[in-house]
Amino acid sequence: MRTRHSPGITRRSAERLLDGAAGSGPDQLVQVLKAAAAPARDSVLAGERAAMAAFEANPPTEAGPFSHAATPRKRKMPNLPFAHLISIKLVAWSLAGLVAAGGAATAGTVAFTSSGSTSTGNAGNNAGAGAPATNSASNNAPSATSQGSTSAPANSGAATGSPAAVSQTAMQLCTDLTTKVESAINDTVGMANKAALASVLANPAVSQVLTTTPVSGLLTTVNNATAVPDYCGLVLALPTVPVPGDFTQLPASVLNQTLSTLPATDLAGVLNSLPAGELTQTLGELTPTQLSSVFTTLPSGAAGSVLSTLPAGSLGTVLTTLPVPTVTNLLPSLPTSDLTRVLTTLPNGATGTVLAELPATDLTKVLTALPSSALGNVFTGLPTGDLTRILGTLPAGSLGTVLTALPATTLGSVLTQLPAGNLSSLLTTLPAGDLSGVLSTLPAGDLSSVLTTLPSSTVGTLMGSMPSGTASHILTRLPSTVLNGLRGALPSSILSLLPL
């Protein structure tokens, strides 16, 4: 006996139904389409954010090969124009609602094993309809996972932004995260062992644990799963960064806030554990005030180590960005080895800017702490304006100490670079002992250049301030043409000692 089928509807009627026209089809079909087109309710959207976090944290790249036994057969679609049409449009209208409605269940049932597979937790009494036959017997209990894995209960699929997640502090969430990761990898080190916690947070299992609540709330703070380990490292005040290569994934606002709360020792450990590139980018994202706070907080040894790690360009940017009072306090406090490395690494322009801004006392302390070779390196290539300001800032005694410590070639380069007025003021300021030391050290060519640049009266004053024997010894190093040009300005006591 044949079965009687209800008559279908035309393509035109189907179009009218999908466009919302009343009275265009069976009542049940009209009700289904209205429900699909209606805005989603808050209860439906509650799991959307958790679902999205689950999808992002569990890409399908590690999925195992499909089994033919587990793959359901495709049912042949009826060859009806209306069926084809309504399938396409209904799916399009319903997709957002379906994703949101399934979000809570998805986030709640995503679990992981050591191989990256997932398992389904307790989905309730009505959850067995679409499950594979192999799991039908265990729908009402959490499914087993491989050793070292963790399965999230189905009722933990609350939204990331739910009150339960929001009420958790960052410290609580990060503590919960490390505890769950330790459980997943069967390696309990305890919160007291901060050094070991860095390796726990560096474990790949973190990304899987982040699919569970409430720790999935951390994704809202840092925007991506990659940044969570280092963020929690800062929150838990770990002595090293868990994943140094990912440190720059932290949003600048989060980085600034967390760095400012770290104690000096922990801040030093964090910055000194970063590679040069990540350290450069991290410091470059700070404002001058925040940068100042970092270097004011760091102990002098740690600050020197951080600065010594930076390449020349980045080092120059940091020191010229810092407020002058911060640099004034920072440079003199650095260990000599770090100070030497910093000042000999800086580009000439940055060196001149930094030193020229230092007050006399701090400038003296910095320059007199350097070995002779490093001091020569610092003064070589300085812009003339900065060089003039630096030498003009030094008190007379400190100026003599610095000039006499310079290698002869650097000293000659420095003095011959100065304008005549600044050179005259500089040399007449020096005590007699330092003046004779400076002029005696100069190579003959630079000595001639210096003395012929000065006014004759200044040369006579300078020579007259020294013992006659010392002055005559200096003058006899000059070429005869230069010496003869100076004779008219020299005191008779010195002239009597010079060859005719």
Protein backbone atom coordinates (compact mmCIF):
# COMPACT_ATOMS: atom_id res chain seq x y z
CA MET A 1 0.00 0.00 0.00
CA ARG A 2 1.40 3.38 -0.94
CA THR A 3 2.02 6.08 1.66
CA ARG A 4 0.24 9.34 1.00
CA HIS A 5 2.57 12.42 1.11
CA SER A 6 1.55 15.98 1.80
CA PRO A 7 1.81 18.20 -1.26
CA GLY A 8 4.94 20.41 -1.42
CA ILE A 9 5.08 24.17 -1.88
CA THR A 10 6.34 26.09 -4.85
CA ARG A 11 9.68 27.85 -5.08
CA ARG A 12 7.85 31.20 -5.05
CA SER A 13 6.06 30.28 -1.81
CA ALA A 14 9.38 29.21 -0.30
CA GLU A 15 10.91 32.58 -1.15
CA ARG A 16 7.96 34.36 0.48
CA LEU A 17 8.29 32.21 3.58
CA LEU A 18 11.98 33.00 3.94
CA ASP A 19 11.24 36.72 3.46
CA GLY A 20 8.79 36.63 6.37
CA ALA A 21 5.48 36.80 4.48
CA ALA A 22 2.57 35.51 6.54
CA GLY A 23 0.31 32.73 5.38
CA SER A 24 2.73 31.35 2.81
CA GLY A 25 3.11 27.83 4.13
CA PRO A 26 2.35 25.26 6.83
CA ASP A 27 2.07 26.68 10.35
CA GLN A 28 4.81 24.44 11.79
CA LEU A 29 7.28 25.51 9.12
CA VAL A 30 6.41 29.17 9.67
CA GLN A 31 7.06 28.79 13.44
CA VAL A 32 10.45 27.13 12.82
CA LEU A 33 11.57 29.92 10.48
CA LYS A 34 10.43 32.62 12.94
CA ALA A 35 12.40 30.99 15.74
CA ALA A 36 15.52 30.81 13.56
CA ALA A 37 15.25 34.46 12.50
CA ALA A 38 14.56 35.85 16.01
CA PRO A 39 17.40 37.63 17.91
CA ALA A 40 19.37 35.35 20.23
CA ARG A 41 18.49 35.56 23.93
CA ASP A 42 21.09 36.31 26.63
CA SER A 43 20.91 32.73 27.88
CA VAL A 44 21.72 31.50 24.38
CA LEU A 45 24.75 33.78 24.00
CA ALA A 46 26.12 33.03 27.47
CA GLY A 47 28.67 30.55 26.21
CA GLU A 48 29.82 32.36 23.08
CA ARG A 49 33.07 33.82 24.43
CA ALA A 50 34.10 30.58 26.11
CA ALA A 51 33.39 28.71 22.89
CA MET A 52 35.52 31.09 20.85
CA ALA A 53 38.38 30.76 23.36
CA ALA A 54 38.09 26.97 23.12
CA PHE A 55 38.22 27.06 19.32
CA GLU A 56 41.25 29.42 19.26
CA ALA A 57 43.20 27.43 21.83
CA ASN A 58 42.54 24.07 20.15
CA PRO A 59 43.32 24.34 16.44
CA PRO A 60 42.60 21.14 14.51
CA THR A 61 46.20 20.75 13.29
CA GLU A 62 46.95 17.86 15.62
CA ALA A 63 43.81 15.85 14.95
CA GLY A 64 44.43 12.21 14.21
CA PRO A 65 43.40 10.48 10.97
CA PHE A 66 39.74 9.79 10.53
CA SER A 67 38.48 6.25 10.79
CA HIS A 68 36.03 4.97 8.21
CA ALA A 69 34.19 3.15 10.98
CA ALA A 70 33.63 6.34 12.90
CA THR A 71 32.55 8.38 9.89
CA PRO A 72 28.76 8.37 9.41
CA ARG A 73 27.44 7.79 5.95
CA LYS A 74 26.17 10.74 4.01
CA ARG A 75 22.46 10.64 3.45
CA LYS A 76 21.34 11.38 -0.05
CA MET A 77 19.60 14.72 -0.22
CA PRO A 78 16.21 14.72 -1.93
CA ASN A 79 16.41 16.21 -5.37
CA LEU A 80 13.84 18.92 -4.69
CA PRO A 81 14.40 22.60 -5.55
CA PHE A 82 12.68 23.77 -2.39
CA ALA A 83 14.72 21.46 -0.15
CA HIS A 84 17.93 22.77 -1.66
CA LEU A 85 16.86 26.38 -1.33
CA ILE A 86 15.57 26.21 2.21
CA SER A 87 18.67 24.28 3.36
CA ILE A 88 20.99 27.06 2.21
CA LYS A 89 19.00 29.99 3.56
CA LEU A 90 17.98 28.36 6.81
CA VAL A 91 21.55 27.40 7.61
CA ALA A 92 22.68 30.97 6.91
CA TRP A 93 19.98 32.43 9.17
CA SER A 94 20.55 29.96 11.95
CA LEU A 95 24.36 29.77 12.05
CA ALA A 96 24.96 32.53 14.61
CA GLY A 97 22.28 31.15 16.91
CA LEU A 98 23.55 27.60 16.63
CA VAL A 99 27.16 28.60 17.41
CA ALA A 100 26.12 30.67 20.41
CA ALA A 101 23.74 28.01 21.70
CA GLY A 102 26.39 25.34 21.46
CA GLY A 103 29.10 27.56 22.93
CA ALA A 104 28.60 26.69 26.55
CA ALA A 105 28.48 23.00 25.83
CA THR A 106 31.55 23.17 23.61
CA ALA A 107 33.66 25.08 26.12
CA GLY A 108 32.48 22.88 28.94
CA THR A 109 33.15 19.58 27.23
CA VAL A 110 36.50 20.32 25.60
CA ALA A 111 39.07 18.21 27.38
CA PHE A 112 42.61 17.25 26.55
CA THR A 113 45.02 14.39 26.77
CA SER A 114 48.78 14.29 26.53
CA SER A 115 48.44 13.69 22.80
CA GLY A 116 46.17 16.70 22.30
CA SER A 117 42.89 14.76 21.83
CA THR A 118 39.58 15.81 23.40
CA SER A 119 36.96 13.98 25.41
CA THR A 120 33.38 14.68 26.41
CA GLY A 121 32.29 15.16 29.97
CA ASN A 122 28.88 14.66 31.59
CA ALA A 123 26.43 16.22 29.17
CA GLY A 124 23.25 15.28 31.02
CA ASN A 125 20.52 12.73 30.33
CA ASN A 126 19.57 14.10 26.94
CA ALA A 127 23.06 14.33 25.48
CA GLY A 128 23.50 10.87 23.97
CA ALA A 129 21.56 11.21 20.77
CA GLY A 130 24.29 12.39 18.46
CA ALA A 131 27.27 10.65 20.11
CA PRO A 132 29.17 7.82 18.44
CA ALA A 133 28.11 4.35 19.46
CA THR A 134 31.40 3.68 21.19
CA ASN A 135 30.67 6.39 23.76
CA SER A 136 26.97 5.79 24.28
CA ALA A 137 27.54 3.82 27.44
CA SER A 138 29.42 6.59 29.20
CA ASN A 139 27.38 9.70 28.48
CA ASN A 140 26.56 10.18 32.16
CA ALA A 141 30.17 10.07 33.45
CA PRO A 142 33.39 11.83 32.56
CA SER A 143 35.24 9.92 29.87
CA ALA A 144 38.71 8.55 30.52
CA THR A 145 41.79 10.20 29.12
CA SER A 146 45.35 9.08 28.75
CA GLN A 147 47.80 9.34 31.62
CA GLY A 148 48.75 12.92 32.45
CA SER A 149 45.64 14.41 30.85
CA THR A 150 42.82 16.45 32.34
CA SER A 151 39.14 16.50 31.44
CA ALA A 152 36.95 19.53 32.11
CA PRO A 153 33.48 18.86 33.58
CA ALA A 154 30.58 19.90 31.41
CA ASN A 155 29.20 22.32 34.00
CA SER A 156 32.44 24.36 33.81
CA GLY A 157 31.51 25.86 30.45
CA ALA A 158 30.46 29.25 31.82
CA ALA A 159 31.31 32.27 29.70
CA THR A 160 34.70 33.88 30.07
CA GLY A 161 33.01 37.10 31.08
CA SER A 162 30.67 35.44 33.61
CA PRO A 163 30.59 36.73 37.19
CA ALA A 164 32.48 33.66 38.40
CA ALA A 165 35.38 34.39 36.03
CA VAL A 166 35.41 38.15 36.53
CA SER A 167 35.38 37.85 40.31
CA GLN A 168 38.66 35.94 40.22
CA THR A 169 41.74 38.12 40.64
CA ALA A 170 44.69 37.77 38.29
CA MET A 171 46.69 36.16 41.10
CA GLN A 172 43.97 33.58 41.73
CA LEU A 173 43.55 32.80 38.05
CA CYS A 174 47.30 32.37 37.48
CA THR A 175 47.62 30.22 40.59
CA ASP A 176 44.72 28.07 39.37
CA LEU A 177 46.35 27.84 35.94
CA THR A 178 49.68 26.59 37.29
CA THR A 179 47.92 24.09 39.54
CA LYS A 180 45.94 22.66 36.63
CA VAL A 181 49.00 22.48 34.38
CA GLU A 182 50.96 20.71 37.11
CA SER A 183 48.14 18.20 37.37
CA ALA A 184 48.02 17.75 33.62
CA ILE A 185 51.73 17.02 33.31
CA ASN A 186 51.93 15.03 36.58
CA ASP A 187 54.60 17.33 37.99
CA THR A 188 53.67 19.13 41.20
CA VAL A 189 56.33 21.65 42.19
CA GLY A 190 54.26 23.81 44.52
CA MET A 191 53.74 27.55 44.53
CA ALA A 192 56.67 28.11 46.88
CA ASN A 193 59.18 27.02 44.21
CA LYS A 194 58.97 30.08 41.98
CA ALA A 195 61.93 29.14 39.83
CA ALA A 196 60.30 25.81 38.88
CA LEU A 197 56.94 27.47 38.21
CA ALA A 198 58.46 29.23 35.20
CA SER A 199 59.02 25.84 33.53
CA VAL A 200 55.46 24.81 34.38
CA LEU A 201 54.05 27.89 32.66
CA ALA A 202 56.32 27.24 29.67
CA ASN A 203 54.74 23.80 29.16
CA PRO A 204 52.54 23.43 26.02
CA ALA A 205 49.76 22.08 28.24
CA VAL A 206 48.97 25.69 29.21
CA SER A 207 47.09 26.27 25.95
CA GLN A 208 44.89 23.26 26.66
CA VAL A 209 44.18 24.24 30.25
CA LEU A 210 43.14 27.70 29.04
CA THR A 211 40.04 26.14 27.45
CA THR A 212 38.63 25.57 30.94
CA THR A 213 37.02 28.04 33.31
CA PRO A 214 37.72 30.11 35.27
CA VAL A 215 41.30 30.34 33.91
CA SER A 216 39.97 31.07 30.42
CA GLY A 217 39.26 34.54 31.83
CA LEU A 218 42.99 35.28 31.44
CA LEU A 219 42.46 35.40 27.68
CA THR A 220 40.28 38.46 28.13
CA THR A 221 43.11 40.29 29.89
CA VAL A 222 45.97 39.57 27.48
CA ASN A 223 44.00 38.99 24.25
CA ASN A 224 45.87 35.84 23.17
CA ALA A 225 46.88 32.52 24.66
CA THR A 226 50.55 32.98 23.73
CA ALA A 227 50.94 35.87 26.17
CA VAL A 228 49.33 34.13 29.16
CA PRO A 229 52.45 32.28 30.48
CA ASP A 230 54.56 35.44 30.64
CA TYR A 231 51.66 37.46 32.04
CA CYS A 232 51.22 34.96 34.84
CA GLY A 233 54.99 34.97 35.35
CA LEU A 234 54.74 38.70 36.09
CA VAL A 235 51.63 38.36 38.24
CA LEU A 236 53.23 35.59 40.32
CA ALA A 237 56.50 37.58 40.52
CA LEU A 238 58.61 34.76 39.09
CA PRO A 239 62.36 35.44 38.93
CA THR A 240 62.52 34.65 35.20
CA VAL A 241 60.22 34.96 32.21
CA PRO A 242 58.60 31.57 31.34
CA VAL A 243 58.75 32.06 27.56
CA PRO A 244 61.17 34.97 26.82
CA GLY A 245 60.59 34.80 23.07
CA ASP A 246 56.86 35.50 23.53
CA PHE A 247 57.24 38.34 26.05
CA THR A 248 56.54 40.97 23.41
CA GLN A 249 53.09 39.44 22.84
CA LEU A 250 51.91 41.12 26.03
CA PRO A 251 49.78 44.21 25.34
CA ALA A 252 51.64 47.42 26.25
CA SER A 253 49.00 48.46 28.78
CA VAL A 254 49.20 45.12 30.58
CA LEU A 255 53.00 45.16 30.49
CA ASN A 256 53.22 48.66 31.95
CA GLN A 257 50.82 47.84 34.75
CA THR A 258 52.47 44.57 35.77
CA LEU A 259 56.07 45.79 35.58
CA SER A 260 55.25 48.68 37.88
CA THR A 261 54.09 46.31 40.62
CA LEU A 262 57.16 44.05 40.67
CA PRO A 263 59.65 44.29 43.56
CA ALA A 264 63.19 45.33 42.58
CA THR A 265 64.67 41.82 42.67
CA ASP A 266 61.90 40.28 40.58
CA LEU A 267 61.96 43.16 38.10
CA ALA A 268 65.69 42.64 37.68
CA GLY A 269 65.21 38.91 37.09
CA VAL A 270 62.50 39.48 34.50
CA LEU A 271 64.40 42.08 32.44
CA ASN A 272 67.73 40.27 32.63
CA SER A 273 66.13 37.02 31.43
CA LEU A 274 64.98 38.63 28.18
CA PRO A 275 67.03 38.38 24.96
CA ALA A 276 68.33 41.68 23.58
CA GLY A 277 65.59 41.99 20.95
CA GLU A 278 62.71 41.39 23.36
CA LEU A 279 64.33 43.65 25.97
CA THR A 280 64.69 46.42 23.40
CA GLN A 281 61.04 46.16 22.34
CA THR A 282 59.81 45.97 25.93
CA LEU A 283 61.66 49.10 27.06
CA GLY A 284 60.71 50.87 23.84
CA GLU A 285 57.00 50.49 24.67
CA LEU A 286 57.34 52.33 27.98
CA THR A 287 56.69 56.03 28.39
CA PRO A 288 59.51 58.20 29.79
CA THR A 289 57.80 58.15 33.19
CA GLN A 290 57.40 54.37 33.17
CA LEU A 291 60.95 53.91 31.92
CA SER A 292 62.18 56.14 34.72
CA SER A 293 60.21 54.09 37.24
CA VAL A 294 61.86 50.89 36.00
CA PHE A 295 65.42 52.19 36.29
CA THR A 296 64.71 53.90 39.59
CA THR A 297 63.43 50.61 41.00
CA LEU A 298 66.26 48.42 39.70
CA PRO A 299 69.35 47.95 41.85
CA SER A 300 72.43 49.58 40.27
CA GLY A 301 73.98 46.24 39.32
CA ALA A 302 70.80 45.04 37.63
CA ALA A 303 70.36 48.37 35.86
CA GLY A 304 73.91 48.12 34.53
CA SER A 305 73.28 44.59 33.32
CA VAL A 306 70.09 45.63 31.53
CA LEU A 307 71.77 48.61 29.84
CA SER A 308 74.78 46.50 28.86
CA THR A 309 72.50 44.02 27.09
CA LEU A 310 71.03 46.65 24.77
CA PRO A 311 72.52 47.25 21.31
CA ALA A 312 73.99 50.71 20.61
CA GLY A 313 70.94 52.27 18.99
CA SER A 314 68.49 51.03 21.62
CA LEU A 315 70.84 52.03 24.43
CA GLY A 316 71.03 55.55 23.03
CA THR A 317 67.24 55.73 22.75
CA VAL A 318 66.74 54.60 26.35
CA LEU A 319 69.28 57.00 27.89
CA THR A 320 68.13 59.99 25.85
CA THR A 321 64.46 59.19 26.63
CA LEU A 322 64.98 58.96 30.39
CA PRO A 323 64.43 62.21 32.29
CA VAL A 324 67.70 64.02 33.11
CA PRO A 325 67.34 63.52 36.90
CA THR A 326 67.01 59.77 36.37
CA VAL A 327 70.16 59.64 34.21
CA THR A 328 71.95 61.85 36.72
CA ASN A 329 71.26 59.32 39.47
CA LEU A 330 71.70 56.27 37.27
CA LEU A 331 75.08 56.65 35.56
CA PRO A 332 77.23 57.49 38.60
CA SER A 333 75.72 54.53 40.48
CA LEU A 334 76.61 51.92 37.84
CA PRO A 335 79.45 49.49 38.51
CA THR A 336 82.60 50.60 36.66
CA SER A 337 82.51 47.67 34.26
CA ASP A 338 78.90 48.38 33.27
CA LEU A 339 79.49 52.13 33.07
CA THR A 340 82.46 51.53 30.79
CA ARG A 341 80.50 49.18 28.56
CA VAL A 342 77.55 51.57 28.37
CA LEU A 343 79.54 54.70 27.50
CA THR A 344 81.76 52.93 24.98
CA THR A 345 78.71 51.35 23.29
CA LEU A 346 76.66 54.53 22.97
CA PRO A 347 76.68 56.28 19.59
CA ASN A 348 78.71 59.52 19.68
CA GLY A 349 75.66 61.75 19.41
CA ALA A 350 73.88 60.05 22.32
CA THR A 351 77.07 60.09 24.41
CA GLY A 352 77.43 63.83 23.92
CA THR A 353 73.77 64.46 24.78
CA VAL A 354 73.85 62.34 27.92
CA LEU A 355 77.15 63.67 29.30
CA ALA A 356 76.42 67.29 28.46
CA GLU A 357 73.26 67.15 30.59
CA LEU A 358 75.01 65.91 33.73
CA PRO A 359 75.74 68.37 36.55
CA ALA A 360 79.43 69.02 37.31
CA THR A 361 79.69 66.68 40.30
CA ASP A 362 78.04 63.72 38.55
CA LEU A 363 79.93 64.36 35.30
CA THR A 364 83.19 64.34 37.24
CA LYS A 365 82.29 61.09 38.97
CA VAL A 366 81.39 59.40 35.69
CA LEU A 367 84.43 60.52 33.66
CA THR A 368 87.03 59.98 36.38
CA ALA A 369 85.71 56.43 36.96
CA LEU A 370 86.62 55.36 33.41
CA PRO A 371 89.94 53.78 32.50
CA SER A 372 92.17 55.84 30.17
CA SER A 373 91.36 53.78 27.06
CA ALA A 374 87.62 53.97 27.69
CA LEU A 375 87.83 57.70 28.37
CA GLY A 376 89.61 58.17 25.06
CA ASN A 377 86.90 56.12 23.33
CA VAL A 378 84.19 58.28 24.89
CA PHE A 379 85.79 61.57 23.79
CA THR A 380 86.62 60.42 20.28
CA GLY A 381 84.08 61.64 17.78
CA LEU A 382 81.98 63.77 20.14
CA PRO A 383 80.15 66.62 18.42
CA THR A 384 81.99 69.92 18.98
CA GLY A 385 79.07 71.55 20.76
CA ASP A 386 78.71 68.66 23.24
CA LEU A 387 82.47 68.45 23.73
CA THR A 388 82.65 72.17 24.54
CA ARG A 389 79.79 71.91 27.03
CA ILE A 390 81.24 68.84 28.73
CA LEU A 391 84.71 70.32 29.20
CA GLY A 392 83.24 73.67 30.20
CA THR A 393 81.09 72.01 32.91
CA LEU A 394 84.00 70.31 34.66
CA PRO A 395 85.60 72.14 37.58
CA ALA A 396 89.28 73.10 37.04
CA GLY A 397 90.70 70.21 39.08
CA SER A 398 88.45 67.61 37.44
CA LEU A 399 89.18 69.07 34.01
CA GLY A 400 92.92 68.61 34.54
CA THR A 401 92.39 65.03 35.75
CA VAL A 402 90.30 64.15 32.69
CA LEU A 403 92.59 65.82 30.12
CA THR A 404 95.78 64.32 31.53
CA ALA A 405 94.14 60.86 31.58
CA LEU A 406 93.37 60.99 27.85
CA PRO A 407 95.70 59.19 25.44
CA ALA A 408 97.97 61.68 23.59
CA THR A 409 96.25 61.32 20.21
CA THR A 410 92.77 61.75 21.72
CA LEU A 411 93.93 64.77 23.74
CA GLY A 412 95.29 66.40 20.59
CA SER A 413 92.07 65.66 18.70
CA VAL A 414 89.97 67.14 21.51
CA LEU A 415 91.95 70.39 21.91
CA THR A 416 92.35 71.07 18.19
CA GLN A 417 88.57 70.60 17.76
CA LEU A 418 87.69 73.43 20.15
CA PRO A 419 87.02 76.98 18.93
CA ALA A 420 89.76 79.51 19.87
CA GLY A 421 87.74 81.21 22.59
CA ASN A 422 86.76 77.97 24.31
CA LEU A 423 90.31 76.62 23.97
CA SER A 424 91.75 79.77 25.57
CA SER A 425 89.23 79.66 28.43
CA LEU A 426 89.90 75.97 28.97
CA LEU A 427 93.70 76.19 29.15
CA THR A 428 93.78 79.30 31.31
CA THR A 429 91.48 77.54 33.80
CA LEU A 430 93.86 74.62 34.33
CA PRO A 431 96.18 74.58 37.35
CA ALA A 432 99.87 75.04 36.32
CA GLY A 433 100.72 71.40 36.98
CA ASP A 434 97.90 70.08 34.80
CA LEU A 435 98.62 72.68 32.12
CA SER A 436 102.26 71.59 31.82
CA GLY A 437 101.11 67.94 31.77
CA VAL A 438 98.62 68.60 28.98
CA LEU A 439 101.01 70.60 26.78
CA SER A 440 103.86 68.14 27.36
CA THR A 441 101.61 65.21 26.33
CA LEU A 442 100.42 66.75 23.07
CA PRO A 443 102.07 65.48 19.90
CA ALA A 444 104.25 68.20 18.27
CA GLY A 445 101.83 68.81 15.43
CA ASP A 446 98.84 69.26 17.77
CA LEU A 447 100.94 71.44 20.11
CA SER A 448 101.78 73.76 17.21
CA SER A 449 98.13 73.90 16.17
CA VAL A 450 96.97 74.71 19.70
CA LEU A 451 99.56 77.46 20.35
CA THR A 452 99.04 79.12 16.96
CA THR A 453 95.26 79.10 17.47
CA LEU A 454 95.56 81.01 20.75
CA PRO A 455 96.14 84.75 20.83
CA SER A 456 99.84 85.63 21.43
CA SER A 457 98.98 87.28 24.72
CA THR A 458 97.31 84.07 25.94
CA VAL A 459 100.38 82.05 24.94
CA GLY A 460 102.62 84.43 26.94
CA THR A 461 100.29 84.12 29.97
CA LEU A 462 100.21 80.34 29.80
CA MET A 463 103.98 80.02 29.47
CA GLY A 464 104.58 82.53 32.23
CA SER A 465 102.37 80.51 34.65
CA MET A 466 104.71 77.52 34.43
CA PRO A 467 108.27 77.12 35.65
CA SER A 468 110.65 78.57 33.05
CA GLY A 469 112.41 75.23 32.54
CA THR A 470 109.12 73.41 31.85
CA ALA A 471 107.94 76.15 29.48
CA SER A 472 111.20 76.19 27.53
CA HIS A 473 111.12 72.39 27.23
CA ILE A 474 107.63 72.55 25.73
CA LEU A 475 108.56 75.35 23.32
CA THR A 476 111.67 73.61 22.01
CA ARG A 477 109.38 70.89 20.59
CA LEU A 478 107.90 73.42 18.17
CA PRO A 479 109.14 73.88 14.61
CA SER A 480 111.50 76.89 14.40
CA THR A 481 109.04 78.85 12.26
CA VAL A 482 106.31 78.51 14.89
CA LEU A 483 108.70 79.26 17.75
CA ASN A 484 110.06 82.38 16.07
CA GLY A 485 106.50 83.64 15.63
CA LEU A 486 105.89 83.33 19.38
CA ARG A 487 109.11 84.90 20.68
CA GLY A 488 107.62 88.38 20.92
CA ALA A 489 104.97 87.19 23.43
CA LEU A 490 107.26 85.17 25.70
CA PRO A 491 108.71 86.41 29.01
CA SER A 492 112.47 87.13 28.98
CA SER A 493 113.07 84.41 31.58
CA ILE A 494 111.85 81.85 29.05
CA LEU A 495 113.52 83.46 26.01
CA SER A 496 116.90 83.20 27.68
CA LEU A 497 116.49 79.45 27.83
CA LEU A 498 115.51 79.03 24.21
CA PRO A 499 118.02 78.39 21.41
CA LEU A 500 118.74 81.37 19.20
